Amino acid sequence: MTGMALAVTAMTAHGATIPVTTTLDGPITGTTNDGLCSLREAVVSATLDTAVQGCPAGSGADVVALPAGTFTLTASGFTDQQGFAGDIDVTGSVVRVLGAGAGATVIQVGFEDRAFDVFSTADLTLEGLTVRGARLPDDSGANGAGVRNQGRLTVIRVEFADNEAGLGDNTDGLGGLGGGGGAIW
């Protein structure tokens, strides 16, 4: 077989780039398109591969593009497990949250909860950002304030600051084990 060449191309899953256009946060309560795409809405779009409010649909391995700024999570909801309120749940798919740098892009948690909860079926990459102010409830013994990871997590040039796991359960007056991993668990 002289004079013949064989080219092998690796197949990669290309996804959508979902640009975040607002620092505002709010619970996802319906399908109304307000023309804005928040961090929460972008991650849910990427996770579900569908358009959510002002964000385009994800498609496979998606990038959530965060510009410089402080993105304060304000939609409290500690028991929500879909990312519609409370922490940002990454329930499936491959999601990369790409900031403009740890000093420039800040994800601030403005209520008692973690920032991200990565489910066993999910793959999350955080890159070029800061996760700050995540606090888990006292007496919960809960783990992972910044990120609770049960799936696959990659962290690249990320600063975790001022995150605190829950204190131990003291309902019986004897104290209890506190949560682990103020930043990552």
C-alpha atoms as a PDB file:
ATOM      1  CA  MET A   1       0.000   0.000   0.000  1.00  0.00           C
ATOM      2  CA  THR A   2       2.563   2.527  -0.997  1.00  0.00           C
ATOM      3  CA  GLY A   3       1.482   6.083  -1.630  1.00  0.00           C
ATOM      4  CA  MET A   4      -1.686   5.832   0.503  1.00  0.00           C
ATOM      5  CA  ALA A   5      -2.279   7.660   3.739  1.00  0.00           C
ATOM      6  CA  LEU A   6      -4.859   6.916   6.371  1.00  0.00           C
ATOM      7  CA  ALA A   7      -6.332   9.796   8.322  1.00  0.00           C
ATOM      8  CA  VAL A   8      -8.048   9.114  11.609  1.00  0.00           C
ATOM      9  CA  THR A   9     -10.086  11.865  13.179  1.00  0.00           C
ATOM     10  CA  ALA A  10     -11.147  11.727  16.799  1.00  0.00           C
ATOM     11  CA  MET A  11     -14.803  12.481  17.339  1.00  0.00           C
ATOM     12  CA  THR A  12     -15.536  15.013  20.038  1.00  0.00           C
ATOM     13  CA  ALA A  13     -18.868  16.137  21.364  1.00  0.00           C
ATOM     14  CA  HIS A  14     -19.266  19.807  20.548  1.00  0.00           C
ATOM     15  CA  GLY A  15     -21.838  21.728  22.443  1.00  0.00           C
ATOM     16  CA  ALA A  16     -23.304  25.187  22.572  1.00  0.00           C
ATOM     17  CA  THR A  17     -21.773  28.299  24.067  1.00  0.00           C
ATOM     18  CA  ILE A  18     -24.358  29.898  26.327  1.00  0.00           C
ATOM     19  CA  PRO A  19     -23.469  33.528  27.121  1.00  0.00           C
ATOM     20  CA  VAL A  20     -24.609  34.867  30.487  1.00  0.00           C
ATOM     21  CA  THR A  21     -25.980  38.382  29.927  1.00  0.00           C
ATOM     22  CA  THR A  22     -27.008  39.474  33.444  1.00  0.00           C
ATOM     23  CA  THR A  23     -25.589  39.318  36.959  1.00  0.00           C
ATOM     24  CA  LEU A  24     -29.141  39.067  38.333  1.00  0.00           C
ATOM     25  CA  ASP A  25     -30.507  35.795  39.704  1.00  0.00           C
ATOM     26  CA  GLY A  26     -34.009  34.577  40.342  1.00  0.00           C
ATOM     27  CA  PRO A  27     -35.910  31.323  40.567  1.00  0.00           C
ATOM     28  CA  ILE A  28     -36.862  29.611  37.327  1.00  0.00           C
ATOM     29  CA  THR A  29     -40.639  29.578  37.500  1.00  0.00           C
ATOM     30  CA  GLY A  30     -41.843  29.285  33.941  1.00  0.00           C
ATOM     31  CA  THR A  31     -41.035  29.662  30.283  1.00  0.00           C
ATOM     32  CA  THR A  32     -41.241  33.448  29.961  1.00  0.00           C
ATOM     33  CA  ASN A  33     -38.349  34.794  27.891  1.00  0.00           C
ATOM     34  CA  ASP A  34     -37.228  38.086  29.447  1.00  0.00           C
ATOM     35  CA  GLY A  35     -34.344  38.415  26.975  1.00  0.00           C
ATOM     36  CA  LEU A  36     -31.758  37.944  29.738  1.00  0.00           C
ATOM     37  CA  CYS A  37     -29.677  34.862  30.484  1.00  0.00           C
ATOM     38  CA  SER A  38     -28.602  34.423  34.120  1.00  0.00           C
ATOM     39  CA  LEU A  39     -25.971  32.013  35.412  1.00  0.00           C
ATOM     40  CA  ARG A  40     -28.680  29.768  36.881  1.00  0.00           C
ATOM     41  CA  GLU A  41     -30.694  29.741  33.641  1.00  0.00           C
ATOM     42  CA  ALA A  42     -27.572  29.072  31.545  1.00  0.00           C
ATOM     43  CA  VAL A  43     -26.521  26.053  33.619  1.00  0.00           C
ATOM     44  CA  VAL A  44     -30.055  24.611  33.533  1.00  0.00           C
ATOM     45  CA  SER A  45     -30.123  25.180  29.733  1.00  0.00           C
ATOM     46  CA  ALA A  46     -26.815  23.334  29.429  1.00  0.00           C
ATOM     47  CA  THR A  47     -27.873  20.525  31.753  1.00  0.00           C
ATOM     48  CA  LEU A  48     -31.272  19.927  30.129  1.00  0.00           C
ATOM     49  CA  ASP A  49     -30.202  20.772  26.541  1.00  0.00           C
ATOM     50  CA  THR A  50     -33.225  23.036  26.183  1.00  0.00           C
ATOM     51  CA  ALA A  51     -33.802  26.801  26.079  1.00  0.00           C
ATOM     52  CA  VAL A  52     -34.603  28.259  29.495  1.00  0.00           C
ATOM     53  CA  GLN A  53     -36.074  31.756  29.688  1.00  0.00           C
ATOM     54  CA  GLY A  54     -33.539  34.071  27.937  1.00  0.00           C
ATOM     55  CA  CYS A  55     -30.844  31.420  27.330  1.00  0.00           C
ATOM     56  CA  PRO A  56     -30.359  29.349  24.180  1.00  0.00           C
ATOM     57  CA  ALA A  57     -30.606  25.563  24.369  1.00  0.00           C
ATOM     58  CA  GLY A  58     -27.584  23.518  25.292  1.00  0.00           C
ATOM     59  CA  SER A  59     -26.381  20.768  22.987  1.00  0.00           C
ATOM     60  CA  GLY A  60     -24.019  18.171  24.422  1.00  0.00           C
ATOM     61  CA  ALA A  61     -20.841  19.435  26.103  1.00  0.00           C
ATOM     62  CA  ASP A  62     -21.739  23.092  26.658  1.00  0.00           C
ATOM     63  CA  VAL A  63     -19.800  26.164  27.764  1.00  0.00           C
ATOM     64  CA  VAL A  64     -21.495  28.700  30.030  1.00  0.00           C
ATOM     65  CA  ALA A  65     -19.581  31.924  29.295  1.00  0.00           C
ATOM     66  CA  LEU A  66     -19.418  34.311  32.264  1.00  0.00           C
ATOM     67  CA  PRO A  67     -18.052  37.825  31.711  1.00  0.00           C
ATOM     68  CA  ALA A  68     -16.301  39.788  34.449  1.00  0.00           C
ATOM     69  CA  GLY A  69     -18.636  40.755  37.292  1.00  0.00           C
ATOM     70  CA  THR A  70     -20.179  39.494  40.519  1.00  0.00           C
ATOM     71  CA  PHE A  71     -22.994  36.993  40.035  1.00  0.00           C
ATOM     72  CA  THR A  72     -24.886  36.808  43.338  1.00  0.00           C
ATOM     73  CA  LEU A  73     -27.194  33.828  43.768  1.00  0.00           C
ATOM     74  CA  THR A  74     -30.347  35.155  45.465  1.00  0.00           C
ATOM     75  CA  ALA A  75     -33.071  32.583  44.674  1.00  0.00           C
ATOM     76  CA  SER A  76     -33.073  30.627  47.917  1.00  0.00           C
ATOM     77  CA  GLY A  77     -34.534  27.132  48.002  1.00  0.00           C
ATOM     78  CA  PHE A  78     -32.432  24.662  50.013  1.00  0.00           C
ATOM     79  CA  THR A  79     -34.496  21.594  49.063  1.00  0.00           C
ATOM     80  CA  ASP A  80     -34.761  22.251  45.293  1.00  0.00           C
ATOM     81  CA  GLN A  81     -32.936  19.528  43.341  1.00  0.00           C
ATOM     82  CA  GLN A  82     -33.330  20.882  39.792  1.00  0.00           C
ATOM     83  CA  GLY A  83     -31.344  24.116  40.015  1.00  0.00           C
ATOM     84  CA  PHE A  84     -34.481  26.250  39.649  1.00  0.00           C
ATOM     85  CA  ALA A  85     -33.778  27.811  43.081  1.00  0.00           C
ATOM     86  CA  GLY A  86     -31.193  27.402  45.820  1.00  0.00           C
ATOM     87  CA  ASP A  87     -27.810  26.061  44.787  1.00  0.00           C
ATOM     88  CA  ILE A  88     -27.117  25.457  41.105  1.00  0.00           C
ATOM     89  CA  ASP A  89     -27.761  21.764  40.530  1.00  0.00           C
ATOM     90  CA  VAL A  90     -25.833  20.151  37.690  1.00  0.00           C
ATOM     91  CA  THR A  91     -27.926  17.030  37.184  1.00  0.00           C
ATOM     92  CA  GLY A  92     -26.504  15.629  33.961  1.00  0.00           C
ATOM     93  CA  SER A  93     -24.583  16.363  30.800  1.00  0.00           C
ATOM     94  CA  VAL A  94     -21.185  18.039  30.503  1.00  0.00           C
ATOM     95  CA  VAL A  95     -21.055  21.676  31.564  1.00  0.00           C
ATOM     96  CA  ARG A  96     -18.059  24.031  31.589  1.00  0.00           C
ATOM     97  CA  VAL A  97     -18.535  27.343  33.434  1.00  0.00           C
ATOM     98  CA  LEU A  98     -15.869  29.660  32.059  1.00  0.00           C
ATOM     99  CA  GLY A  99     -15.173  32.983  33.780  1.00  0.00           C
ATOM    100  CA  ALA A 100     -12.919  35.904  32.886  1.00  0.00           C
ATOM    101  CA  GLY A 101     -10.462  35.110  35.711  1.00  0.00           C
ATOM    102  CA  ALA A 102     -10.582  34.400  39.432  1.00  0.00           C
ATOM    103  CA  GLY A 103     -10.216  38.068  40.301  1.00  0.00           C
ATOM    104  CA  ALA A 104     -12.677  39.221  37.656  1.00  0.00           C
ATOM    105  CA  THR A 105     -15.615  36.765  37.772  1.00  0.00           C
ATOM    106  CA  VAL A 106     -17.139  36.049  41.195  1.00  0.00           C
ATOM    107  CA  ILE A 107     -20.021  33.715  42.024  1.00  0.00           C
ATOM    108  CA  GLN A 108     -21.335  34.949  45.377  1.00  0.00           C
ATOM    109  CA  VAL A 109     -23.911  32.948  47.351  1.00  0.00           C
ATOM    110  CA  GLY A 110     -26.395  35.330  48.955  1.00  0.00           C
ATOM    111  CA  PHE A 111     -28.318  32.831  51.110  1.00  0.00           C
ATOM    112  CA  GLU A 112     -27.714  29.700  53.186  1.00  0.00           C
ATOM    113  CA  ASP A 113     -26.825  26.994  50.658  1.00  0.00           C
ATOM    114  CA  ARG A 114     -23.933  25.727  48.540  1.00  0.00           C
ATOM    115  CA  ALA A 115     -23.008  27.262  45.186  1.00  0.00           C
ATOM    116  CA  PHE A 116     -23.003  24.096  43.016  1.00  0.00           C
ATOM    117  CA  ASP A 117     -24.316  20.562  43.572  1.00  0.00           C
ATOM    118  CA  VAL A 118     -22.890  18.107  41.020  1.00  0.00           C
ATOM    119  CA  PHE A 119     -25.024  14.967  40.690  1.00  0.00           C
ATOM    120  CA  SER A 120     -23.585  11.510  39.959  1.00  0.00           C
ATOM    121  CA  THR A 121     -24.599  11.722  36.282  1.00  0.00           C
ATOM    122  CA  ALA A 122     -22.948  15.125  35.719  1.00  0.00           C
ATOM    123  CA  ASP A 123     -19.564  16.456  34.622  1.00  0.00           C
ATOM    124  CA  LEU A 124     -18.783  20.041  35.682  1.00  0.00           C
ATOM    125  CA  THR A 125     -15.699  22.125  34.925  1.00  0.00           C
ATOM    126  CA  LEU A 126     -15.237  25.437  36.714  1.00  0.00           C
ATOM    127  CA  GLU A 127     -12.571  27.660  35.184  1.00  0.00           C
ATOM    128  CA  GLY A 128     -11.326  31.190  35.765  1.00  0.00           C
ATOM    129  CA  LEU A 129     -13.617  32.349  38.557  1.00  0.00           C
ATOM    130  CA  THR A 130     -14.107  32.726  42.319  1.00  0.00           C
ATOM    131  CA  VAL A 131     -16.761  30.910  44.399  1.00  0.00           C
ATOM    132  CA  ARG A 132     -17.453  32.915  47.572  1.00  0.00           C
ATOM    133  CA  GLY A 133     -19.820  33.046  50.539  1.00  0.00           C
ATOM    134  CA  ALA A 134     -21.461  29.607  50.417  1.00  0.00           C
ATOM    135  CA  ARG A 135     -22.763  28.565  53.835  1.00  0.00           C
ATOM    136  CA  LEU A 136     -24.620  25.424  54.810  1.00  0.00           C
ATOM    137  CA  PRO A 137     -27.161  25.416  57.649  1.00  0.00           C
ATOM    138  CA  ASP A 138     -25.892  24.948  61.183  1.00  0.00           C
ATOM    139  CA  ASP A 139     -26.969  21.678  62.809  1.00  0.00           C
ATOM    140  CA  SER A 140     -27.106  20.084  59.350  1.00  0.00           C
ATOM    141  CA  GLY A 141     -23.655  18.490  59.243  1.00  0.00           C
ATOM    142  CA  ALA A 142     -23.925  19.000  55.466  1.00  0.00           C
ATOM    143  CA  ASN A 143     -20.832  18.694  53.260  1.00  0.00           C
ATOM    144  CA  GLY A 144     -19.456  20.774  50.416  1.00  0.00           C
ATOM    145  CA  ALA A 145     -20.417  24.424  50.716  1.00  0.00           C
ATOM    146  CA  GLY A 146     -18.722  25.761  47.581  1.00  0.00           C
ATOM    147  CA  VAL A 147     -19.287  22.580  45.575  1.00  0.00           C
ATOM    148  CA  ARG A 148     -20.717  19.225  46.568  1.00  0.00           C
ATOM    149  CA  ASN A 149     -19.430  16.780  43.992  1.00  0.00           C
ATOM    150  CA  GLN A 150     -20.967  13.355  43.453  1.00  0.00           C
ATOM    151  CA  GLY A 151     -20.067  13.173  39.760  1.00  0.00           C
ATOM    152  CA  ARG A 152     -17.040  14.470  37.919  1.00  0.00           C
ATOM    153  CA  LEU A 153     -15.543  17.860  38.791  1.00  0.00           C
ATOM    154  CA  THR A 154     -12.615  19.691  37.208  1.00  0.00           C
ATOM    155  CA  VAL A 155     -11.368  22.947  38.730  1.00  0.00           C
ATOM    156  CA  ILE A 156      -8.958  25.193  36.790  1.00  0.00           C
ATOM    157  CA  ARG A 157      -7.720  28.537  38.162  1.00  0.00           C
ATOM    158  CA  VAL A 158     -10.592  28.838  40.661  1.00  0.00           C
ATOM    159  CA  GLU A 159     -10.436  30.566  44.025  1.00  0.00           C
ATOM    160  CA  PHE A 160     -12.692  29.374  46.846  1.00  0.00           C
ATOM    161  CA  ALA A 161     -13.132  32.029  49.542  1.00  0.00           C
ATOM    162  CA  ASP A 162     -15.242  32.297  52.682  1.00  0.00           C
ATOM    163  CA  ASN A 163     -17.231  29.061  52.204  1.00  0.00           C
ATOM    164  CA  GLU A 164     -18.380  27.096  55.255  1.00  0.00           C
ATOM    165  CA  ALA A 165     -19.807  23.587  55.654  1.00  0.00           C
ATOM    166  CA  GLY A 166     -22.608  23.044  58.165  1.00  0.00           C
ATOM    167  CA  LEU A 167     -21.900  22.604  61.858  1.00  0.00           C
ATOM    168  CA  GLY A 168     -22.778  19.328  63.548  1.00  0.00           C
ATOM    169  CA  ASP A 169     -26.241  18.327  64.705  1.00  0.00           C
ATOM    170  CA  ASN A 170     -26.649  19.370  68.341  1.00  0.00           C
ATOM    171  CA  THR A 171     -30.353  18.632  68.798  1.00  0.00           C
ATOM    172  CA  ASP A 172     -29.615  16.150  71.591  1.00  0.00           C
ATOM    173  CA  GLY A 173     -27.258  18.549  73.388  1.00  0.00           C
ATOM    174  CA  LEU A 174     -24.318  16.173  72.902  1.00  0.00           C
ATOM    175  CA  GLY A 175     -22.898  17.813  69.799  1.00  0.00           C
ATOM    176  CA  GLY A 176     -22.331  16.094  66.508  1.00  0.00           C
ATOM    177  CA  LEU A 177     -20.032  15.832  63.578  1.00  0.00           C
ATOM    178  CA  GLY A 178     -19.794  18.907  61.404  1.00  0.00           C
ATOM    179  CA  GLY A 179     -19.869  18.850  57.649  1.00  0.00           C
ATOM    180  CA  GLY A 180     -16.688  18.511  55.628  1.00  0.00           C
ATOM    181  CA  GLY A 181     -15.351  20.450  52.708  1.00  0.00           C
ATOM    182  CA  GLY A 182     -16.135  24.122  53.082  1.00  0.00           C
ATOM    183  CA  ALA A 183     -14.888  24.566  49.516  1.00  0.00           C
ATOM    184  CA  ILE A 184     -15.322  21.162  47.837  1.00  0.00           C
ATOM    185  CA  TRP A 185     -16.660  17.819  49.043  1.00  0.00           C
END
